[in-house]
Amino acid sequence: MNLPLVIAVSVLKIAVVMTVLLTCVAYTVLLERKVLGFIQLRYGPNRVGPWGLLQPLADALKLLFKEDFTPPGANKYLFVMAPIITAGAAFLPFAVIPFAGTILPPEITFYGYKIDLTVAALNQGVIGDTNIGLLYIFAVGSLGVYGAILGGWASNNKYSLLGGLRLCAQMVSYELALGLSVIGVIMLAGSLSTVAIVEAQKSTPFIVYQPLGFVIFMIAAMAECGRTPFDLIECENELVAGYQTEYSSMKWGMFMMGEYAHIIAASALATTLFLGGWQGPLLPPVVWFMAKTFALVFFFIWVRGTFPRFRFDQLMALGWKVLLPLSLVNILVTGAVILLIKG
């Protein structure tokens, strides 16, 4: 194996994906403000640049120059680390989410030397394919909860602590349903590799066979992202701003970056598991992947502008009494159908 080549191509993929992802995060914020403005019969941002397209740059500059405040009595180390953990955990799943099939030919010639790009799947549209890709996504995705809980605890603020405790209860409840909702997909694909799951949908997307799993996944993903109607972890009328109460400047900005990156990651994962990933007619694979992903991002925004917030008892009841039993029923039905077909 040509180790320098593997490292160089992997670093290039990471740089491209991170650049595109950070740009998408910035403009997802603008998209949300525009869509919510449309829903609420107002314009939304339209002053900075043509049609308000430079608003994300203005927001970033504002956050950079705001006062960076640390409350007295706070645990300074954990107070700083919390937003870093939250933002970092939201970006890690993109290491194994495939955005295209093959992006380069299997072999290229460079100054007379033939270079084999099939080594370590360097020609694939994914940073790194692994046979436990889906397990990796759930493992690193769950790390984000630690950042928010630590942020609430380290702030030395009772409202922040209550927000962190609510977050802990909410995430534990909905991670169960989220994980169980994809078991049917794993059973159909016969693999935990995200690339293999997409390739198993060449003829028919898994949403056709797993409509209930898709619905459960999307509801649980909204709760995992802390989005309306599941934003009990912030709940401004009860907790001021929850675990974020004492944060300002770019520390607060990193929490927001983590939230919107988490939305994109959840949408990209739903696209990969249920909507056939990059596959589609006529258009390039990357275009199909981006179109499906941002259709789901738009759905997240649409729900926020449509539904009111749940009460906390309603939130917990939905997770434990509705989504969890339904996800178990989905697994049983999927297994029974597979056995009948194979038998």
C-alpha atoms as a PDB file:
ATOM      1  CA  MET A   1       0.000   0.000   0.000  1.00  0.00           C
ATOM      2  CA  ASN A   2       1.279   3.471  -0.933  1.00  0.00           C
ATOM      3  CA  LEU A   3       0.901   5.093   2.497  1.00  0.00           C
ATOM      4  CA  PRO A   4       1.841   8.689   1.458  1.00  0.00           C
ATOM      5  CA  LEU A   5      -0.757   8.530  -1.335  1.00  0.00           C
ATOM      6  CA  VAL A   6      -3.434   7.252   1.048  1.00  0.00           C
ATOM      7  CA  ILE A   7      -2.665  10.030   3.540  1.00  0.00           C
ATOM      8  CA  ALA A   8      -2.572  12.756   0.851  1.00  0.00           C
ATOM      9  CA  VAL A   9      -5.892  11.751  -0.737  1.00  0.00           C
ATOM     10  CA  SER A  10      -7.557  11.327   2.676  1.00  0.00           C
ATOM     11  CA  VAL A  11      -6.379  14.781   3.820  1.00  0.00           C
ATOM     12  CA  LEU A  12      -7.644  16.283   0.551  1.00  0.00           C
ATOM     13  CA  LYS A  13     -11.055  14.646   1.026  1.00  0.00           C
ATOM     14  CA  ILE A  14     -11.255  15.891   4.618  1.00  0.00           C
ATOM     15  CA  ALA A  15     -10.363  19.439   3.539  1.00  0.00           C
ATOM     16  CA  VAL A  16     -12.988  19.469   0.775  1.00  0.00           C
ATOM     17  CA  VAL A  17     -15.731  17.939   2.945  1.00  0.00           C
ATOM     18  CA  MET A  18     -15.038  20.278   5.875  1.00  0.00           C
ATOM     19  CA  THR A  19     -14.995  23.364   3.639  1.00  0.00           C
ATOM     20  CA  VAL A  20     -18.297  22.416   2.025  1.00  0.00           C
ATOM     21  CA  LEU A  21     -19.800  21.423   5.369  1.00  0.00           C
ATOM     22  CA  LEU A  22     -18.850  24.643   7.174  1.00  0.00           C
ATOM     23  CA  THR A  23     -20.287  26.651   4.266  1.00  0.00           C
ATOM     24  CA  CYS A  24     -23.481  24.596   4.392  1.00  0.00           C
ATOM     25  CA  VAL A  25     -23.774  25.122   8.160  1.00  0.00           C
ATOM     26  CA  ALA A  26     -23.467  28.903   7.735  1.00  0.00           C
ATOM     27  CA  TYR A  27     -26.047  29.050   4.965  1.00  0.00           C
ATOM     28  CA  THR A  28     -28.418  26.634   6.688  1.00  0.00           C
ATOM     29  CA  VAL A  29     -28.789  29.320   9.366  1.00  0.00           C
ATOM     30  CA  LEU A  30     -29.655  31.839   6.643  1.00  0.00           C
ATOM     31  CA  LEU A  31     -32.001  29.338   4.989  1.00  0.00           C
ATOM     32  CA  GLU A  32     -33.835  28.826   8.272  1.00  0.00           C
ATOM     33  CA  ARG A  33     -34.222  32.549   8.863  1.00  0.00           C
ATOM     34  CA  LYS A  34     -35.509  33.051   5.321  1.00  0.00           C
ATOM     35  CA  VAL A  35     -37.937  30.108   5.439  1.00  0.00           C
ATOM     36  CA  LEU A  36     -39.274  31.076   8.876  1.00  0.00           C
ATOM     37  CA  GLY A  37     -39.685  34.627   7.600  1.00  0.00           C
ATOM     38  CA  PHE A  38     -41.706  33.328   4.648  1.00  0.00           C
ATOM     39  CA  ILE A  39     -43.876  31.179   6.940  1.00  0.00           C
ATOM     40  CA  GLN A  40     -44.466  34.166   9.248  1.00  0.00           C
ATOM     41  CA  LEU A  41     -45.133  36.627   6.392  1.00  0.00           C
ATOM     42  CA  ARG A  42     -41.970  38.703   6.788  1.00  0.00           C
ATOM     43  CA  TYR A  43     -38.806  39.151   4.743  1.00  0.00           C
ATOM     44  CA  GLY A  44     -36.053  37.660   6.868  1.00  0.00           C
ATOM     45  CA  PRO A  45     -32.437  38.910   6.470  1.00  0.00           C
ATOM     46  CA  ASN A  46     -32.142  41.031   3.326  1.00  0.00           C
ATOM     47  CA  ARG A  47     -29.733  43.899   4.165  1.00  0.00           C
ATOM     48  CA  VAL A  48     -26.231  42.413   4.047  1.00  0.00           C
ATOM     49  CA  GLY A  49     -25.252  41.704   0.457  1.00  0.00           C
ATOM     50  CA  PRO A  50     -27.605  40.877  -2.415  1.00  0.00           C
ATOM     51  CA  TRP A  51     -30.744  39.133  -1.049  1.00  0.00           C
ATOM     52  CA  GLY A  52     -29.000  38.941   2.334  1.00  0.00           C
ATOM     53  CA  LEU A  53     -26.482  36.336   1.130  1.00  0.00           C
ATOM     54  CA  LEU A  54     -23.631  37.826   3.172  1.00  0.00           C
ATOM     55  CA  GLN A  55     -25.574  37.651   6.433  1.00  0.00           C
ATOM     56  CA  PRO A  56     -23.662  34.543   7.665  1.00  0.00           C
ATOM     57  CA  LEU A  57     -20.379  36.474   7.299  1.00  0.00           C
ATOM     58  CA  ALA A  58     -21.817  39.394   9.271  1.00  0.00           C
ATOM     59  CA  ASP A  59     -23.039  37.025  11.991  1.00  0.00           C
ATOM     60  CA  ALA A  60     -19.611  35.377  12.248  1.00  0.00           C
ATOM     61  CA  LEU A  61     -17.845  38.745  12.567  1.00  0.00           C
ATOM     62  CA  LYS A  62     -20.328  39.861  15.223  1.00  0.00           C
ATOM     63  CA  LEU A  63     -19.717  36.729  17.295  1.00  0.00           C
ATOM     64  CA  LEU A  64     -15.940  37.066  16.971  1.00  0.00           C
ATOM     65  CA  PHE A  65     -15.983  40.614  18.315  1.00  0.00           C
ATOM     66  CA  LYS A  66     -18.508  40.121  21.121  1.00  0.00           C
ATOM     67  CA  GLU A  67     -17.258  39.956  24.710  1.00  0.00           C
ATOM     68  CA  ASP A  68     -16.173  36.464  25.735  1.00  0.00           C
ATOM     69  CA  PHE A  69     -17.634  36.180  29.233  1.00  0.00           C
ATOM     70  CA  THR A  70     -16.988  33.435  31.781  1.00  0.00           C
ATOM     71  CA  PRO A  71     -19.280  33.575  34.842  1.00  0.00           C
ATOM     72  CA  PRO A  72     -17.742  33.704  38.342  1.00  0.00           C
ATOM     73  CA  GLY A  73     -17.602  30.294  39.978  1.00  0.00           C
ATOM     74  CA  ALA A  74     -17.693  28.420  36.674  1.00  0.00           C
ATOM     75  CA  ASN A  75     -15.376  25.510  35.976  1.00  0.00           C
ATOM     76  CA  LYS A  76     -13.318  27.358  33.366  1.00  0.00           C
ATOM     77  CA  TYR A  77     -11.746  24.313  31.707  1.00  0.00           C
ATOM     78  CA  LEU A  78     -15.033  22.443  31.214  1.00  0.00           C
ATOM     79  CA  PHE A  79     -16.828  25.695  30.357  1.00  0.00           C
ATOM     80  CA  VAL A  80     -14.447  26.122  27.391  1.00  0.00           C
ATOM     81  CA  MET A  81     -14.340  22.452  26.394  1.00  0.00           C
ATOM     82  CA  ALA A  82     -18.131  21.961  26.296  1.00  0.00           C
ATOM     83  CA  PRO A  83     -18.830  23.845  23.031  1.00  0.00           C
ATOM     84  CA  ILE A  84     -15.735  22.305  21.417  1.00  0.00           C
ATOM     85  CA  ILE A  85     -17.014  18.799  22.230  1.00  0.00           C
ATOM     86  CA  THR A  86     -20.497  19.623  20.929  1.00  0.00           C
ATOM     87  CA  ALA A  87     -19.252  21.080  17.630  1.00  0.00           C
ATOM     88  CA  GLY A  88     -16.613  18.397  17.085  1.00  0.00           C
ATOM     89  CA  ALA A  89     -19.008  15.512  17.704  1.00  0.00           C
ATOM     90  CA  ALA A  90     -21.422  16.906  15.099  1.00  0.00           C
ATOM     91  CA  PHE A  91     -18.753  16.866  12.358  1.00  0.00           C
ATOM     92  CA  LEU A  92     -17.297  13.403  13.041  1.00  0.00           C
ATOM     93  CA  PRO A  93     -20.125  11.345  11.411  1.00  0.00           C
ATOM     94  CA  PHE A  94     -19.272  12.801   7.993  1.00  0.00           C
ATOM     95  CA  ALA A  95     -16.119  10.665   7.957  1.00  0.00           C
ATOM     96  CA  VAL A  96     -18.165   7.635   6.857  1.00  0.00           C
ATOM     97  CA  ILE A  97     -21.203   9.190   5.132  1.00  0.00           C
ATOM     98  CA  PRO A  98     -20.803   8.570   1.365  1.00  0.00           C
ATOM     99  CA  PHE A  99     -21.685  11.505  -0.884  1.00  0.00           C
ATOM    100  CA  ALA A 100     -20.986   9.769  -4.218  1.00  0.00           C
ATOM    101  CA  GLY A 101     -20.065   6.395  -5.665  1.00  0.00           C
ATOM    102  CA  THR A 102     -16.705   6.683  -7.391  1.00  0.00           C
ATOM    103  CA  ILE A 103     -15.336  10.190  -7.892  1.00  0.00           C
ATOM    104  CA  LEU A 104     -12.056   9.231  -9.588  1.00  0.00           C
ATOM    105  CA  PRO A 105     -11.048   6.557 -12.119  1.00  0.00           C
ATOM    106  CA  PRO A 106      -9.549   3.362 -10.666  1.00  0.00           C
ATOM    107  CA  GLU A 107      -6.154   4.253 -12.105  1.00  0.00           C
ATOM    108  CA  ILE A 108      -4.436   7.487 -13.184  1.00  0.00           C
ATOM    109  CA  THR A 109      -1.113   8.203 -14.851  1.00  0.00           C
ATOM    110  CA  PHE A 110       1.125  10.849 -13.290  1.00  0.00           C
ATOM    111  CA  TYR A 111       4.383  11.701 -15.108  1.00  0.00           C
ATOM    112  CA  GLY A 112       4.476   8.230 -16.602  1.00  0.00           C
ATOM    113  CA  TYR A 113       3.721   6.463 -13.292  1.00  0.00           C
ATOM    114  CA  LYS A 114       0.493   4.522 -12.960  1.00  0.00           C
ATOM    115  CA  ILE A 115      -1.244   5.132  -9.630  1.00  0.00           C
ATOM    116  CA  ASP A 116      -3.836   2.639  -8.384  1.00  0.00           C
ATOM    117  CA  LEU A 117      -6.646   4.568  -6.649  1.00  0.00           C
ATOM    118  CA  THR A 118      -8.625   1.487  -5.679  1.00  0.00           C
ATOM    119  CA  VAL A 119      -6.186   1.040  -2.780  1.00  0.00           C
ATOM    120  CA  ALA A 120      -8.020   1.903   0.446  1.00  0.00           C
ATOM    121  CA  ALA A 121     -11.009   2.957  -1.716  1.00  0.00           C
ATOM    122  CA  LEU A 122      -9.318   6.263  -2.592  1.00  0.00           C
ATOM    123  CA  ASN A 123     -11.576   6.708  -5.614  1.00  0.00           C
ATOM    124  CA  GLN A 124     -14.791   6.465  -3.576  1.00  0.00           C
ATOM    125  CA  GLY A 125     -16.895   9.465  -2.595  1.00  0.00           C
ATOM    126  CA  VAL A 126     -16.403   8.909   1.119  1.00  0.00           C
ATOM    127  CA  ILE A 127     -13.567   9.876   3.448  1.00  0.00           C
ATOM    128  CA  GLY A 128     -13.286   6.374   4.885  1.00  0.00           C
ATOM    129  CA  ASP A 129     -15.435   3.307   4.322  1.00  0.00           C
ATOM    130  CA  THR A 130     -15.550   0.753   7.118  1.00  0.00           C
ATOM    131  CA  ASN A 131     -17.670  -2.306   7.785  1.00  0.00           C
ATOM    132  CA  ILE A 132     -18.892  -0.758  11.065  1.00  0.00           C
ATOM    133  CA  GLY A 133     -19.646   2.695   9.650  1.00  0.00           C
ATOM    134  CA  LEU A 134     -23.164   2.923  11.087  1.00  0.00           C
ATOM    135  CA  LEU A 135     -21.948   1.838  14.520  1.00  0.00           C
ATOM    136  CA  TYR A 136     -19.252   4.514  14.334  1.00  0.00           C
ATOM    137  CA  ILE A 137     -21.850   7.198  13.513  1.00  0.00           C
ATOM    138  CA  PHE A 138     -23.993   6.355  16.529  1.00  0.00           C
ATOM    139  CA  ALA A 139     -20.931   6.148  18.770  1.00  0.00           C
ATOM    140  CA  VAL A 140     -19.479   9.563  17.881  1.00  0.00           C
ATOM    141  CA  GLY A 141     -22.899  11.187  17.457  1.00  0.00           C
ATOM    142  CA  SER A 142     -23.786  10.433  21.050  1.00  0.00           C
ATOM    143  CA  LEU A 143     -20.692  12.299  22.279  1.00  0.00           C
ATOM    144  CA  GLY A 144     -22.370  15.655  21.611  1.00  0.00           C
ATOM    145  CA  VAL A 145     -24.629  15.185  24.614  1.00  0.00           C
ATOM    146  CA  TYR A 146     -21.590  15.350  26.898  1.00  0.00           C
ATOM    147  CA  GLY A 147     -20.723  18.839  25.647  1.00  0.00           C
ATOM    148  CA  ALA A 148     -24.169  20.205  26.432  1.00  0.00           C
ATOM    149  CA  ILE A 149     -24.378  18.485  29.836  1.00  0.00           C
ATOM    150  CA  LEU A 150     -20.897  19.709  30.783  1.00  0.00           C
ATOM    151  CA  GLY A 151     -21.789  23.214  29.575  1.00  0.00           C
ATOM    152  CA  GLY A 152     -24.856  23.275  31.813  1.00  0.00           C
ATOM    153  CA  TRP A 153     -23.001  21.905  34.832  1.00  0.00           C
ATOM    154  CA  ALA A 154     -19.837  24.019  34.434  1.00  0.00           C
ATOM    155  CA  SER A 155     -21.762  27.316  34.111  1.00  0.00           C
ATOM    156  CA  ASN A 156     -22.599  27.537  37.839  1.00  0.00           C
ATOM    157  CA  ASN A 157     -26.167  28.498  36.936  1.00  0.00           C
ATOM    158  CA  LYS A 158     -29.249  26.620  38.137  1.00  0.00           C
ATOM    159  CA  TYR A 159     -31.141  27.226  34.880  1.00  0.00           C
ATOM    160  CA  SER A 160     -28.191  25.927  32.861  1.00  0.00           C
ATOM    161  CA  LEU A 161     -28.003  22.858  35.084  1.00  0.00           C
ATOM    162  CA  LEU A 162     -31.732  22.174  34.659  1.00  0.00           C
ATOM    163  CA  GLY A 163     -31.324  22.521  30.894  1.00  0.00           C
ATOM    164  CA  GLY A 164     -28.448  20.027  30.963  1.00  0.00           C
ATOM    165  CA  LEU A 165     -30.493  17.545  33.016  1.00  0.00           C
ATOM    166  CA  ARG A 166     -33.438  17.847  30.633  1.00  0.00           C
ATOM    167  CA  LEU A 167     -31.057  17.270  27.749  1.00  0.00           C
ATOM    168  CA  CYS A 168     -29.706  14.107  29.375  1.00  0.00           C
ATOM    169  CA  ALA A 169     -33.185  12.651  29.896  1.00  0.00           C
ATOM    170  CA  GLN A 170     -34.304  13.597  26.385  1.00  0.00           C
ATOM    171  CA  MET A 171     -31.247  12.173  24.638  1.00  0.00           C
ATOM    172  CA  VAL A 172     -31.326   8.884  26.536  1.00  0.00           C
ATOM    173  CA  SER A 173     -35.012   8.469  25.676  1.00  0.00           C
ATOM    174  CA  TYR A 174     -34.763   9.237  21.972  1.00  0.00           C
ATOM    175  CA  GLU A 175     -31.394   7.604  21.241  1.00  0.00           C
ATOM    176  CA  LEU A 176     -33.063   4.243  21.911  1.00  0.00           C
ATOM    177  CA  ALA A 177     -35.770   4.843  19.314  1.00  0.00           C
ATOM    178  CA  LEU A 178     -33.230   6.344  16.890  1.00  0.00           C
ATOM    179  CA  GLY A 179     -30.954   3.318  17.106  1.00  0.00           C
ATOM    180  CA  LEU A 180     -33.773   0.789  16.855  1.00  0.00           C
ATOM    181  CA  SER A 181     -35.328   2.575  13.864  1.00  0.00           C
ATOM    182  CA  VAL A 182     -32.354   1.664  11.654  1.00  0.00           C
ATOM    183  CA  ILE A 183     -32.224  -2.026  12.596  1.00  0.00           C
ATOM    184  CA  GLY A 184     -34.637  -2.823   9.759  1.00  0.00           C
ATOM    185  CA  VAL A 185     -32.284  -1.142   7.278  1.00  0.00           C
ATOM    186  CA  ILE A 186     -29.355  -3.167   8.606  1.00  0.00           C
ATOM    187  CA  MET A 187     -31.404  -6.371   8.258  1.00  0.00           C
ATOM    188  CA  LEU A 188     -32.279  -5.540   4.644  1.00  0.00           C
ATOM    189  CA  ALA A 189     -28.737  -4.493   3.634  1.00  0.00           C
ATOM    190  CA  GLY A 190     -26.951  -7.161   5.661  1.00  0.00           C
ATOM    191  CA  SER A 191     -24.156  -4.739   6.528  1.00  0.00           C
ATOM    192  CA  LEU A 192     -23.203  -1.863   8.821  1.00  0.00           C
ATOM    193  CA  SER A 193     -21.171  -0.214   6.060  1.00  0.00           C
ATOM    194  CA  THR A 194     -22.830   2.999   4.873  1.00  0.00           C
ATOM    195  CA  VAL A 195     -21.484   2.419   1.342  1.00  0.00           C
ATOM    196  CA  ALA A 196     -22.927  -1.111   1.273  1.00  0.00           C
ATOM    197  CA  ILE A 197     -26.280   0.193   2.544  1.00  0.00           C
ATOM    198  CA  VAL A 198     -26.475   2.717  -0.302  1.00  0.00           C
ATOM    199  CA  GLU A 199     -25.451   0.122  -2.892  1.00  0.00           C
ATOM    200  CA  ALA A 200     -28.172  -2.206  -1.588  1.00  0.00           C
ATOM    201  CA  GLN A 201     -30.737   0.432  -2.640  1.00  0.00           C
ATOM    202  CA  LYS A 202     -29.856   0.396  -6.358  1.00  0.00           C
ATOM    203  CA  SER A 203     -33.278  -0.853  -7.384  1.00  0.00           C
ATOM    204  CA  THR A 204     -35.514   0.466  -4.607  1.00  0.00           C
ATOM    205  CA  PRO A 205     -34.845   2.939  -1.759  1.00  0.00           C
ATOM    206  CA  PHE A 206     -35.344   1.407   1.673  1.00  0.00           C
ATOM    207  CA  ILE A 207     -38.020   3.986   2.532  1.00  0.00           C
ATOM    208  CA  VAL A 208     -40.368   1.816   0.434  1.00  0.00           C
ATOM    209  CA  TYR A 209     -39.773  -1.146   2.750  1.00  0.00           C
ATOM    210  CA  GLN A 210     -39.200   0.862   5.928  1.00  0.00           C
ATOM    211  CA  PRO A 211     -41.711   3.778   5.962  1.00  0.00           C
ATOM    212  CA  LEU A 212     -42.328   3.364   9.694  1.00  0.00           C
ATOM    213  CA  GLY A 213     -38.598   3.202  10.389  1.00  0.00           C
ATOM    214  CA  PHE A 214     -38.079   6.408   8.413  1.00  0.00           C
ATOM    215  CA  VAL A 215     -40.821   8.261  10.319  1.00  0.00           C
ATOM    216  CA  ILE A 216     -39.441   7.103  13.682  1.00  0.00           C
ATOM    217  CA  PHE A 217     -35.909   8.045  12.618  1.00  0.00           C
ATOM    218  CA  MET A 218     -36.915  11.580  11.611  1.00  0.00           C
ATOM    219  CA  ILE A 219     -38.909  12.227  14.801  1.00  0.00           C
ATOM    220  CA  ALA A 220     -36.106  10.886  16.997  1.00  0.00           C
ATOM    221  CA  ALA A 221     -33.510  12.854  15.005  1.00  0.00           C
ATOM    222  CA  MET A 222     -35.412  16.083  15.655  1.00  0.00           C
ATOM    223  CA  ALA A 223     -35.395  15.304  19.365  1.00  0.00           C
ATOM    224  CA  GLU A 224     -31.677  14.463  19.235  1.00  0.00           C
ATOM    225  CA  CYS A 225     -30.967  17.813  17.576  1.00  0.00           C
ATOM    226  CA  GLY A 226     -33.095  19.639  20.167  1.00  0.00           C
ATOM    227  CA  ARG A 227     -35.298  21.127  17.476  1.00  0.00           C
ATOM    228  CA  THR A 228     -38.852  22.402  17.859  1.00  0.00           C
ATOM    229  CA  PRO A 229     -41.150  20.815  18.981  1.00  0.00           C
ATOM    230  CA  PHE A 230     -38.495  19.065  21.097  1.00  0.00           C
ATOM    231  CA  ASP A 231     -36.486  22.117  22.225  1.00  0.00           C
ATOM    232  CA  LEU A 232     -37.178  21.520  25.930  1.00  0.00           C
ATOM    233  CA  ILE A 233     -33.435  21.776  26.594  1.00  0.00           C
ATOM    234  CA  GLU A 234     -33.516  25.522  25.831  1.00  0.00           C
ATOM    235  CA  CYS A 235     -37.167  26.392  26.512  1.00  0.00           C
ATOM    236  CA  GLU A 236     -36.692  30.161  26.780  1.00  0.00           C
ATOM    237  CA  ASN A 237     -39.911  30.816  28.731  1.00  0.00           C
ATOM    238  CA  GLU A 238     -38.897  28.392  31.505  1.00  0.00           C
ATOM    239  CA  LEU A 239     -35.103  28.057  31.508  1.00  0.00           C
ATOM    240  CA  VAL A 240     -33.913  31.390  29.968  1.00  0.00           C
ATOM    241  CA  ALA A 241     -31.835  29.473  27.380  1.00  0.00           C
ATOM    242  CA  GLY A 242     -31.053  26.216  29.141  1.00  0.00           C
ATOM    243  CA  TYR A 243     -27.472  24.978  29.079  1.00  0.00           C
ATOM    244  CA  GLN A 244     -26.482  27.934  26.840  1.00  0.00           C
ATOM    245  CA  THR A 245     -27.579  30.653  29.283  1.00  0.00           C
ATOM    246  CA  GLU A 246     -24.086  31.771  30.327  1.00  0.00           C
ATOM    247  CA  TYR A 247     -22.438  31.415  26.921  1.00  0.00           C
ATOM    248  CA  SER A 248     -21.583  34.278  24.591  1.00  0.00           C
ATOM    249  CA  SER A 249     -19.316  35.129  21.673  1.00  0.00           C
ATOM    250  CA  MET A 250     -17.853  32.198  19.696  1.00  0.00           C
ATOM    251  CA  LYS A 251     -18.483  29.704  22.504  1.00  0.00           C
ATOM    252  CA  TRP A 252     -22.209  30.222  21.946  1.00  0.00           C
ATOM    253  CA  GLY A 253     -21.507  30.227  18.212  1.00  0.00           C
ATOM    254  CA  MET A 254     -19.891  26.782  18.463  1.00  0.00           C
ATOM    255  CA  PHE A 255     -22.977  25.403  20.195  1.00  0.00           C
ATOM    256  CA  MET A 256     -25.055  26.752  17.316  1.00  0.00           C
ATOM    257  CA  MET A 257     -22.568  25.377  14.791  1.00  0.00           C
ATOM    258  CA  GLY A 258     -22.890  21.971  16.427  1.00  0.00           C
ATOM    259  CA  GLU A 259     -26.695  22.134  16.318  1.00  0.00           C
ATOM    260  CA  TYR A 260     -26.879  22.957  12.607  1.00  0.00           C
ATOM    261  CA  ALA A 261     -24.113  20.489  11.720  1.00  0.00           C
ATOM    262  CA  HIS A 262     -26.114  17.882  13.649  1.00  0.00           C
ATOM    263  CA  ILE A 263     -29.196  18.705  11.550  1.00  0.00           C
ATOM    264  CA  ILE A 264     -27.215  18.264   8.321  1.00  0.00           C
ATOM    265  CA  ALA A 265     -25.643  15.043   9.637  1.00  0.00           C
ATOM    266  CA  ALA A 266     -29.061  13.608  10.574  1.00  0.00           C
ATOM    267  CA  SER A 267     -30.459  14.553   7.151  1.00  0.00           C
ATOM    268  CA  ALA A 268     -27.433  13.084   5.357  1.00  0.00           C
ATOM    269  CA  LEU A 269     -27.741   9.875   7.378  1.00  0.00           C
ATOM    270  CA  ALA A 270     -31.475   9.588   6.613  1.00  0.00           C
ATOM    271  CA  THR A 271     -30.629  10.098   2.931  1.00  0.00           C
ATOM    272  CA  THR A 272     -28.020   7.347   3.131  1.00  0.00           C
ATOM    273  CA  LEU A 273     -30.194   4.850   5.005  1.00  0.00           C
ATOM    274  CA  PHE A 274     -33.635   5.396   3.507  1.00  0.00           C
ATOM    275  CA  LEU A 275     -33.494   7.510   0.322  1.00  0.00           C
ATOM    276  CA  GLY A 276     -30.843   5.721  -1.709  1.00  0.00           C
ATOM    277  CA  GLY A 277     -27.956   8.056  -0.917  1.00  0.00           C
ATOM    278  CA  TRP A 278     -26.274   9.499  -3.983  1.00  0.00           C
ATOM    279  CA  GLN A 279     -28.236   7.320  -6.448  1.00  0.00           C
ATOM    280  CA  GLY A 280     -30.601   8.874  -8.971  1.00  0.00           C
ATOM    281  CA  PRO A 281     -31.092   9.335 -12.722  1.00  0.00           C
ATOM    282  CA  LEU A 282     -29.518  11.958 -15.007  1.00  0.00           C
ATOM    283  CA  LEU A 283     -27.962  14.268 -12.398  1.00  0.00           C
ATOM    284  CA  PRO A 284     -24.459  13.743 -10.937  1.00  0.00           C
ATOM    285  CA  PRO A 285     -24.390  11.634  -7.736  1.00  0.00           C
ATOM    286  CA  VAL A 286     -23.199  14.531  -5.540  1.00  0.00           C
ATOM    287  CA  VAL A 287     -26.124  16.662  -6.740  1.00  0.00           C
ATOM    288  CA  TRP A 288     -28.603  13.913  -5.849  1.00  0.00           C
ATOM    289  CA  PHE A 289     -27.062  13.512  -2.418  1.00  0.00           C
ATOM    290  CA  MET A 290     -27.135  17.256  -1.709  1.00  0.00           C
ATOM    291  CA  ALA A 291     -30.689  17.639  -3.019  1.00  0.00           C
ATOM    292  CA  LYS A 292     -32.056  14.827  -0.848  1.00  0.00           C
ATOM    293  CA  THR A 293     -30.142  16.018   2.203  1.00  0.00           C
ATOM    294  CA  PHE A 294     -31.322  19.617   1.964  1.00  0.00           C
ATOM    295  CA  ALA A 295     -34.889  18.530   1.276  1.00  0.00           C
ATOM    296  CA  LEU A 296     -34.779  16.918   4.725  1.00  0.00           C
ATOM    297  CA  VAL A 297     -33.056  19.988   6.211  1.00  0.00           C
ATOM    298  CA  PHE A 298     -35.937  22.051   4.832  1.00  0.00           C
ATOM    299  CA  PHE A 299     -38.331  19.617   6.531  1.00  0.00           C
ATOM    300  CA  PHE A 300     -36.592  20.272   9.885  1.00  0.00           C
ATOM    301  CA  ILE A 301     -37.067  24.021   9.353  1.00  0.00           C
ATOM    302  CA  TRP A 302     -40.668  23.622   8.190  1.00  0.00           C
ATOM    303  CA  VAL A 303     -41.560  21.651  11.327  1.00  0.00           C
ATOM    304  CA  ARG A 304     -39.982  24.348  13.505  1.00  0.00           C
ATOM    305  CA  GLY A 305     -42.159  27.007  11.891  1.00  0.00           C
ATOM    306  CA  THR A 306     -45.326  24.896  12.163  1.00  0.00           C
ATOM    307  CA  PHE A 307     -45.591  23.087  15.503  1.00  0.00           C
ATOM    308  CA  PRO A 308     -45.531  24.395  19.087  1.00  0.00           C
ATOM    309  CA  ARG A 309     -43.287  22.966  21.803  1.00  0.00           C
ATOM    310  CA  PHE A 310     -44.314  19.836  23.713  1.00  0.00           C
ATOM    311  CA  ARG A 311     -44.613  19.743  27.480  1.00  0.00           C
ATOM    312  CA  PHE A 312     -41.852  17.697  29.050  1.00  0.00           C
ATOM    313  CA  ASP A 313     -44.205  14.898  30.127  1.00  0.00           C
ATOM    314  CA  GLN A 314     -45.562  14.721  26.563  1.00  0.00           C
ATOM    315  CA  LEU A 315     -42.023  14.561  25.204  1.00  0.00           C
ATOM    316  CA  MET A 316     -41.068  11.652  27.468  1.00  0.00           C
ATOM    317  CA  ALA A 317     -44.348   9.838  26.846  1.00  0.00           C
ATOM    318  CA  LEU A 318     -43.882  10.043  23.079  1.00  0.00           C
ATOM    319  CA  GLY A 319     -40.383   8.607  23.322  1.00  0.00           C
ATOM    320  CA  TRP A 320     -41.069   5.737  25.734  1.00  0.00           C
ATOM    321  CA  LYS A 321     -44.732   4.887  25.082  1.00  0.00           C
ATOM    322  CA  VAL A 322     -45.004   5.460  21.322  1.00  0.00           C
ATOM    323  CA  LEU A 323     -41.701   5.518  19.435  1.00  0.00           C
ATOM    324  CA  LEU A 324     -39.943   2.750  21.364  1.00  0.00           C
ATOM    325  CA  PRO A 325     -42.802   0.185  20.999  1.00  0.00           C
ATOM    326  CA  LEU A 326     -43.289   1.124  17.334  1.00  0.00           C
ATOM    327  CA  SER A 327     -39.586   0.656  16.596  1.00  0.00           C
ATOM    328  CA  LEU A 328     -39.683  -2.810  18.197  1.00  0.00           C
ATOM    329  CA  VAL A 329     -42.782  -3.693  16.153  1.00  0.00           C
ATOM    330  CA  ASN A 330     -40.977  -2.518  13.009  1.00  0.00           C
ATOM    331  CA  ILE A 331     -38.036  -4.840  13.761  1.00  0.00           C
ATOM    332  CA  LEU A 332     -40.340  -7.826  14.381  1.00  0.00           C
ATOM    333  CA  VAL A 333     -42.345  -7.235  11.200  1.00  0.00           C
ATOM    334  CA  THR A 334     -39.200  -6.726   9.106  1.00  0.00           C
ATOM    335  CA  GLY A 335     -37.653  -9.925  10.453  1.00  0.00           C
ATOM    336  CA  ALA A 336     -40.859 -11.895   9.830  1.00  0.00           C
ATOM    337  CA  VAL A 337     -41.142 -10.646   6.232  1.00  0.00           C
ATOM    338  CA  ILE A 338     -37.478 -11.451   5.513  1.00  0.00           C
ATOM    339  CA  LEU A 339     -37.937 -14.986   6.894  1.00  0.00           C
ATOM    340  CA  LEU A 340     -41.109 -15.520   4.828  1.00  0.00           C
ATOM    341  CA  ILE A 341     -39.422 -14.329   1.622  1.00  0.00           C
ATOM    342  CA  LYS A 342     -36.286 -16.399   2.174  1.00  0.00           C
ATOM    343  CA  GLY A 343     -38.297 -19.402   3.321  1.00  0.00           C
END
